[in-house]
């Protein structure tokens, strides 16, 4: 679980430091639906000081690419 928290924090920091900006309605679909489990885990871990920071970030990768990376890392951490 520690590795997952490190990944979530690292992904958030990378998005922020890579010039992530607050989107002005980049998608009609809320990030909670686009990122599902990843969004819930980031919000529940309290990585950011408030619940809006992660929700408002604009990432350079598509939600599908982010989720694929997230799922790959989860499977490495928790082998079946």
Protein backbone atom coordinates (compact mmCIF):
# COMPACT_ATOMS: atom_id res chain seq x y z
CA UNK A 1 0.00 0.00 0.00
CA UNK A 2 2.91 2.34 0.72
CA UNK A 3 4.07 2.04 -2.90
CA UNK A 4 0.59 3.00 -4.07
CA UNK A 5 0.62 6.13 -1.93
CA UNK A 6 4.07 7.01 -3.27
CA UNK A 7 2.80 6.54 -6.84
CA UNK A 8 -0.24 8.71 -6.23
CA UNK A 9 1.84 11.43 -4.65
CA UNK A 10 4.47 11.18 -7.39
CA UNK A 11 1.87 11.36 -10.15
CA UNK A 12 0.32 14.39 -8.57
CA UNK A 13 3.66 16.13 -8.09
CA UNK A 14 4.72 15.31 -11.66
CA UNK A 15 1.49 16.71 -13.05
CA UNK A 16 1.88 19.84 -10.96
CA UNK A 17 5.59 20.38 -11.68
CA UNK A 18 5.19 19.55 -15.37
CA UNK A 19 3.04 22.61 -15.76
CA UNK A 20 -0.36 21.12 -15.04
CA UNK A 21 -2.93 23.83 -15.02
CA UNK A 22 -6.47 24.13 -13.86
CA UNK A 23 -8.65 23.16 -16.77
CA UNK A 24 -11.46 25.44 -17.82
CA UNK A 25 -13.85 22.59 -18.54
CA UNK A 26 -11.60 20.30 -20.56
CA UNK A 27 -14.23 17.58 -20.31
CA UNK A 28 -17.90 17.31 -19.56
CA UNK A 29 -17.15 14.13 -17.58
CA UNK A 30 -16.03 14.77 -14.00
CA UNK A 31 -12.62 13.40 -12.97
CA UNK A 32 -14.29 11.14 -10.40
CA UNK A 33 -15.86 9.26 -13.32
CA UNK A 34 -12.84 9.48 -15.63
CA UNK A 35 -10.34 8.20 -13.07
CA UNK A 36 -12.61 6.06 -10.86
CA UNK A 37 -10.61 4.14 -8.25
CA UNK A 38 -7.51 6.30 -8.74
CA UNK A 39 -9.51 9.47 -8.04
CA UNK A 40 -11.07 7.94 -4.92
CA UNK A 41 -7.69 6.80 -3.60
CA UNK A 42 -6.04 10.18 -4.14
CA UNK A 43 -8.91 11.98 -2.43
CA UNK A 44 -9.08 9.55 0.51
CA UNK A 45 -5.32 9.59 1.12
CA UNK A 46 -5.37 13.36 1.67
CA UNK A 47 -2.36 13.93 -0.58
CA UNK A 48 -3.48 17.48 -1.32
CA UNK A 49 -4.51 20.11 1.24
CA UNK A 50 -8.05 20.28 -0.16
CA UNK A 51 -10.38 18.16 -2.28
CA UNK A 52 -10.38 20.55 -5.25
CA UNK A 53 -6.66 20.55 -6.12
CA UNK A 54 -6.51 17.08 -7.68
CA UNK A 55 -9.98 17.38 -9.18
CA UNK A 56 -8.98 20.61 -10.95
CA UNK A 57 -5.58 19.51 -12.31
CA UNK A 58 -5.15 19.20 -16.05
CA UNK A 59 -2.84 16.30 -16.89
CA UNK A 60 -0.70 15.94 -19.99
CA UNK A 61 -1.81 12.31 -20.44
CA UNK A 62 -5.29 11.07 -21.28
CA UNK A 63 -7.40 9.52 -18.50
CA UNK A 64 -7.02 6.13 -20.23
CA UNK A 65 -3.21 6.39 -20.20
CA UNK A 66 -3.20 7.47 -16.55
CA UNK A 67 -5.50 4.60 -15.58
CA UNK A 68 -3.43 2.06 -17.53
CA UNK A 69 -0.28 3.17 -15.69
CA UNK A 70 -2.11 3.11 -12.36
CA UNK A 71 -3.50 -0.40 -12.97
CA UNK A 72 -0.07 -1.69 -14.02
CA UNK A 73 1.46 -0.34 -10.82
CA UNK A 74 -1.30 -1.82 -8.66
CA UNK A 75 -0.76 -5.25 -10.22
CA UNK A 76 2.97 -5.07 -9.54
CA UNK A 77 2.28 -4.11 -5.93
CA UNK A 78 -0.51 -6.65 -5.39
CA UNK A 79 0.22 -9.70 -7.58
CA UNK A 80 -2.72 -12.04 -8.11
